[in-house]
Amino acid sequence: MPAPSVPTYSATALVNVHTGFRDLIDGGAGAGFVRIRSAADVLLAQIPLPDPCGTVNGTTGRLTFTVAAAEDASADASGTAAYGEFCDSNAVVHLAIPAQVGTAAVTGFIVLNTLSIVVGGPVRLLSATIG
């Protein structure tokens, strides 16, 4: 095996880490959520997650968030989405992850229906995967 150019974890390590991370988001009295923010840290939208928030693939360790109905029907402010914060029900941020627009899952990004958020408009989380 050639020397790796980036850290490389075993599938077992990823399963354990991502299961623990999922459990952090699901911890607390209610479901977790994703805050969508601009590059200037302005809160644009808050999207609730189901509880449990996702599943971990037992073979690859990939965490796929369940986003079938994940939407903020009325955005809090207008601006350009830059990143999302995965929070537990107590609003503790456990992960900040870049945002992009699209329709297909991209590991390491949250995928939104739009990056141009308009106050009062809908914001949909279309996919989110880690690992």
C-alpha atoms as a PDB file:
ATOM      1  CA  MET A   1       0.000   0.000   0.000  1.00  0.00           C
ATOM      2  CA  PRO A   2       1.411   3.434  -0.889  1.00  0.00           C
ATOM      3  CA  ALA A   3       1.748   6.092   1.788  1.00  0.00           C
ATOM      4  CA  PRO A   4      -1.593   7.908   2.241  1.00  0.00           C
ATOM      5  CA  SER A   5      -1.862  11.589   1.351  1.00  0.00           C
ATOM      6  CA  VAL A   6      -4.757  12.126   3.780  1.00  0.00           C
ATOM      7  CA  PRO A   7      -5.741  10.414   7.039  1.00  0.00           C
ATOM      8  CA  THR A   8      -7.300   7.025   6.351  1.00  0.00           C
ATOM      9  CA  TYR A   9      -9.496   5.368   8.968  1.00  0.00           C
ATOM     10  CA  SER A  10     -10.734   1.814   9.160  1.00  0.00           C
ATOM     11  CA  ALA A  11     -14.427   1.203   8.536  1.00  0.00           C
ATOM     12  CA  THR A  12     -14.757   0.053  12.171  1.00  0.00           C
ATOM     13  CA  ALA A  13     -13.380   3.370  13.413  1.00  0.00           C
ATOM     14  CA  LEU A  14     -15.747   5.322  11.142  1.00  0.00           C
ATOM     15  CA  VAL A  15     -18.763   3.272  12.250  1.00  0.00           C
ATOM     16  CA  ASN A  16     -17.956   3.946  15.905  1.00  0.00           C
ATOM     17  CA  VAL A  17     -17.195   7.644  15.432  1.00  0.00           C
ATOM     18  CA  HIS A  18     -20.193   8.390  13.227  1.00  0.00           C
ATOM     19  CA  THR A  19     -22.569   6.409  15.460  1.00  0.00           C
ATOM     20  CA  GLY A  20     -21.357   8.476  18.418  1.00  0.00           C
ATOM     21  CA  PHE A  21     -21.760  11.688  16.429  1.00  0.00           C
ATOM     22  CA  ARG A  22     -25.295  10.757  15.375  1.00  0.00           C
ATOM     23  CA  ASP A  23     -26.102  10.048  19.029  1.00  0.00           C
ATOM     24  CA  LEU A  24     -24.821  13.522  20.024  1.00  0.00           C
ATOM     25  CA  ILE A  25     -27.223  15.161  17.572  1.00  0.00           C
ATOM     26  CA  ASP A  26     -30.074  12.959  18.820  1.00  0.00           C
ATOM     27  CA  GLY A  27     -29.214  13.646  22.487  1.00  0.00           C
ATOM     28  CA  GLY A  28     -31.377  15.884  24.614  1.00  0.00           C
ATOM     29  CA  ALA A  29     -35.099  16.183  25.051  1.00  0.00           C
ATOM     30  CA  GLY A  30     -35.986  16.699  21.391  1.00  0.00           C
ATOM     31  CA  ALA A  31     -34.710  16.316  17.871  1.00  0.00           C
ATOM     32  CA  GLY A  32     -31.613  18.083  16.582  1.00  0.00           C
ATOM     33  CA  PHE A  33     -31.555  20.674  13.839  1.00  0.00           C
ATOM     34  CA  VAL A  34     -29.330  22.374  11.269  1.00  0.00           C
ATOM     35  CA  ARG A  35     -28.720  26.117  11.335  1.00  0.00           C
ATOM     36  CA  ILE A  36     -27.956  27.614   7.936  1.00  0.00           C
ATOM     37  CA  ARG A  37     -25.605  30.601   8.107  1.00  0.00           C
ATOM     38  CA  SER A  38     -24.004  33.097   5.745  1.00  0.00           C
ATOM     39  CA  ALA A  39     -20.245  33.662   5.533  1.00  0.00           C
ATOM     40  CA  ALA A  40     -20.796  36.578   7.956  1.00  0.00           C
ATOM     41  CA  ASP A  41     -22.426  34.124  10.429  1.00  0.00           C
ATOM     42  CA  VAL A  42     -25.926  35.557   9.951  1.00  0.00           C
ATOM     43  CA  LEU A  43     -28.575  32.971  10.836  1.00  0.00           C
ATOM     44  CA  LEU A  44     -30.607  32.433   7.669  1.00  0.00           C
ATOM     45  CA  ALA A  45     -32.702  29.364   8.515  1.00  0.00           C
ATOM     46  CA  GLN A  46     -33.152  26.526  11.000  1.00  0.00           C
ATOM     47  CA  ILE A  47     -34.064  23.110   9.659  1.00  0.00           C
ATOM     48  CA  PRO A  48     -35.360  20.457  12.065  1.00  0.00           C
ATOM     49  CA  LEU A  49     -34.066  16.900  11.815  1.00  0.00           C
ATOM     50  CA  PRO A  50     -35.966  13.717  12.627  1.00  0.00           C
ATOM     51  CA  ASP A  51     -35.027  11.687  15.706  1.00  0.00           C
ATOM     52  CA  PRO A  52     -33.023   9.579  14.961  1.00  0.00           C
ATOM     53  CA  CYS A  53     -31.354  12.024  12.578  1.00  0.00           C
ATOM     54  CA  GLY A  54     -29.716   9.455  10.314  1.00  0.00           C
ATOM     55  CA  THR A  55     -28.154   6.064   9.749  1.00  0.00           C
ATOM     56  CA  VAL A  56     -24.599   4.779   9.771  1.00  0.00           C
ATOM     57  CA  ASN A  57     -23.595   2.269   7.085  1.00  0.00           C
ATOM     58  CA  GLY A  58     -22.145  -0.746   8.910  1.00  0.00           C
ATOM     59  CA  THR A  59     -19.731  -1.509   6.065  1.00  0.00           C
ATOM     60  CA  THR A  60     -18.362   1.923   5.136  1.00  0.00           C
ATOM     61  CA  GLY A  61     -19.090   3.942   8.273  1.00  0.00           C
ATOM     62  CA  ARG A  62     -20.786   6.694   6.224  1.00  0.00           C
ATOM     63  CA  LEU A  63     -23.371   8.707   8.159  1.00  0.00           C
ATOM     64  CA  THR A  64     -26.340   9.680   6.000  1.00  0.00           C
ATOM     65  CA  PHE A  65     -28.750  12.145   7.553  1.00  0.00           C
ATOM     66  CA  THR A  66     -32.469  11.515   7.045  1.00  0.00           C
ATOM     67  CA  VAL A  67     -33.679  14.632   5.266  1.00  0.00           C
ATOM     68  CA  ALA A  68     -36.888  13.537   3.530  1.00  0.00           C
ATOM     69  CA  ALA A  69     -38.936  16.318   5.159  1.00  0.00           C
ATOM     70  CA  ALA A  70     -36.129  18.584   6.398  1.00  0.00           C
ATOM     71  CA  GLU A  71     -37.262  22.123   5.637  1.00  0.00           C
ATOM     72  CA  ASP A  72     -37.578  25.548   7.150  1.00  0.00           C
ATOM     73  CA  ALA A  73     -40.774  26.834   5.539  1.00  0.00           C
ATOM     74  CA  SER A  74     -39.978  30.450   6.459  1.00  0.00           C
ATOM     75  CA  ALA A  75     -36.333  31.581   6.427  1.00  0.00           C
ATOM     76  CA  ASP A  76     -35.248  33.941   9.205  1.00  0.00           C
ATOM     77  CA  ALA A  77     -33.172  36.303   7.025  1.00  0.00           C
ATOM     78  CA  SER A  78     -32.025  36.914   3.471  1.00  0.00           C
ATOM     79  CA  GLY A  79     -28.491  36.115   2.374  1.00  0.00           C
ATOM     80  CA  THR A  80     -26.209  33.584   0.720  1.00  0.00           C
ATOM     81  CA  ALA A  81     -25.886  30.269   2.542  1.00  0.00           C
ATOM     82  CA  ALA A  82     -22.258  29.362   3.240  1.00  0.00           C
ATOM     83  CA  TYR A  83     -22.444  26.591   5.818  1.00  0.00           C
ATOM     84  CA  GLY A  84     -24.617  24.613   8.165  1.00  0.00           C
ATOM     85  CA  GLU A  85     -24.265  23.835  11.857  1.00  0.00           C
ATOM     86  CA  PHE A  86     -25.510  20.476  13.113  1.00  0.00           C
ATOM     87  CA  CYS A  87     -26.925  21.055  16.602  1.00  0.00           C
ATOM     88  CA  ASP A  88     -28.492  18.873  19.264  1.00  0.00           C
ATOM     89  CA  SER A  89     -31.868  19.817  20.781  1.00  0.00           C
ATOM     90  CA  ASN A  90     -30.069  22.012  23.340  1.00  0.00           C
ATOM     91  CA  ALA A  91     -28.598  24.114  20.471  1.00  0.00           C
ATOM     92  CA  VAL A  92     -25.048  22.841  21.075  1.00  0.00           C
ATOM     93  CA  VAL A  93     -23.165  22.941  17.762  1.00  0.00           C
ATOM     94  CA  HIS A  94     -21.380  19.655  17.030  1.00  0.00           C
ATOM     95  CA  LEU A  95     -20.354  20.186  13.399  1.00  0.00           C
ATOM     96  CA  ALA A  96     -20.014  23.074  10.965  1.00  0.00           C
ATOM     97  CA  ILE A  97     -20.022  21.929   7.343  1.00  0.00           C
ATOM     98  CA  PRO A  98     -19.928  23.842   4.023  1.00  0.00           C
ATOM     99  CA  ALA A  99     -23.077  24.228   1.947  1.00  0.00           C
ATOM    100  CA  GLN A 100     -23.652  23.857  -1.748  1.00  0.00           C
ATOM    101  CA  VAL A 101     -26.667  23.869  -4.030  1.00  0.00           C
ATOM    102  CA  GLY A 102     -27.648  20.753  -5.948  1.00  0.00           C
ATOM    103  CA  THR A 103     -29.786  17.646  -6.021  1.00  0.00           C
ATOM    104  CA  ALA A 104     -27.289  14.829  -5.344  1.00  0.00           C
ATOM    105  CA  ALA A 105     -25.487  13.969  -2.122  1.00  0.00           C
ATOM    106  CA  VAL A 106     -21.897  15.197  -1.793  1.00  0.00           C
ATOM    107  CA  THR A 107     -19.904  13.792   1.114  1.00  0.00           C
ATOM    108  CA  GLY A 108     -18.680  16.523   3.424  1.00  0.00           C
ATOM    109  CA  PHE A 109     -21.294  19.089   2.346  1.00  0.00           C
ATOM    110  CA  ILE A 110     -24.888  19.900   3.093  1.00  0.00           C
ATOM    111  CA  VAL A 111     -26.812  20.179  -0.143  1.00  0.00           C
ATOM    112  CA  LEU A 112     -29.581  22.780  -0.211  1.00  0.00           C
ATOM    113  CA  ASN A 113     -32.274  23.622  -2.753  1.00  0.00           C
ATOM    114  CA  THR A 114     -30.744  27.113  -3.015  1.00  0.00           C
ATOM    115  CA  LEU A 115     -27.895  29.144  -1.589  1.00  0.00           C
ATOM    116  CA  SER A 116     -29.800  32.398  -2.197  1.00  0.00           C
ATOM    117  CA  ILE A 117     -32.017  32.507   0.868  1.00  0.00           C
ATOM    118  CA  VAL A 118     -34.928  34.957   0.947  1.00  0.00           C
ATOM    119  CA  VAL A 119     -36.522  35.915   4.270  1.00  0.00           C
ATOM    120  CA  GLY A 120     -39.859  34.101   4.612  1.00  0.00           C
ATOM    121  CA  GLY A 121     -39.033  31.672   1.796  1.00  0.00           C
ATOM    122  CA  PRO A 122     -38.523  27.908   2.069  1.00  0.00           C
ATOM    123  CA  VAL A 123     -35.109  26.347   2.625  1.00  0.00           C
ATOM    124  CA  ARG A 124     -34.793  22.601   2.030  1.00  0.00           C
ATOM    125  CA  LEU A 125     -31.958  20.351   3.125  1.00  0.00           C
ATOM    126  CA  LEU A 126     -31.700  17.862   0.245  1.00  0.00           C
ATOM    127  CA  SER A 127     -28.809  15.735   1.512  1.00  0.00           C
ATOM    128  CA  ALA A 128     -26.085  15.531   4.111  1.00  0.00           C
ATOM    129  CA  THR A 129     -23.498  12.768   4.399  1.00  0.00           C
ATOM    130  CA  ILE A 130     -20.295  12.435   6.379  1.00  0.00           C
ATOM    131  CA  GLY A 131     -17.558   9.933   5.671  1.00  0.00           C
END
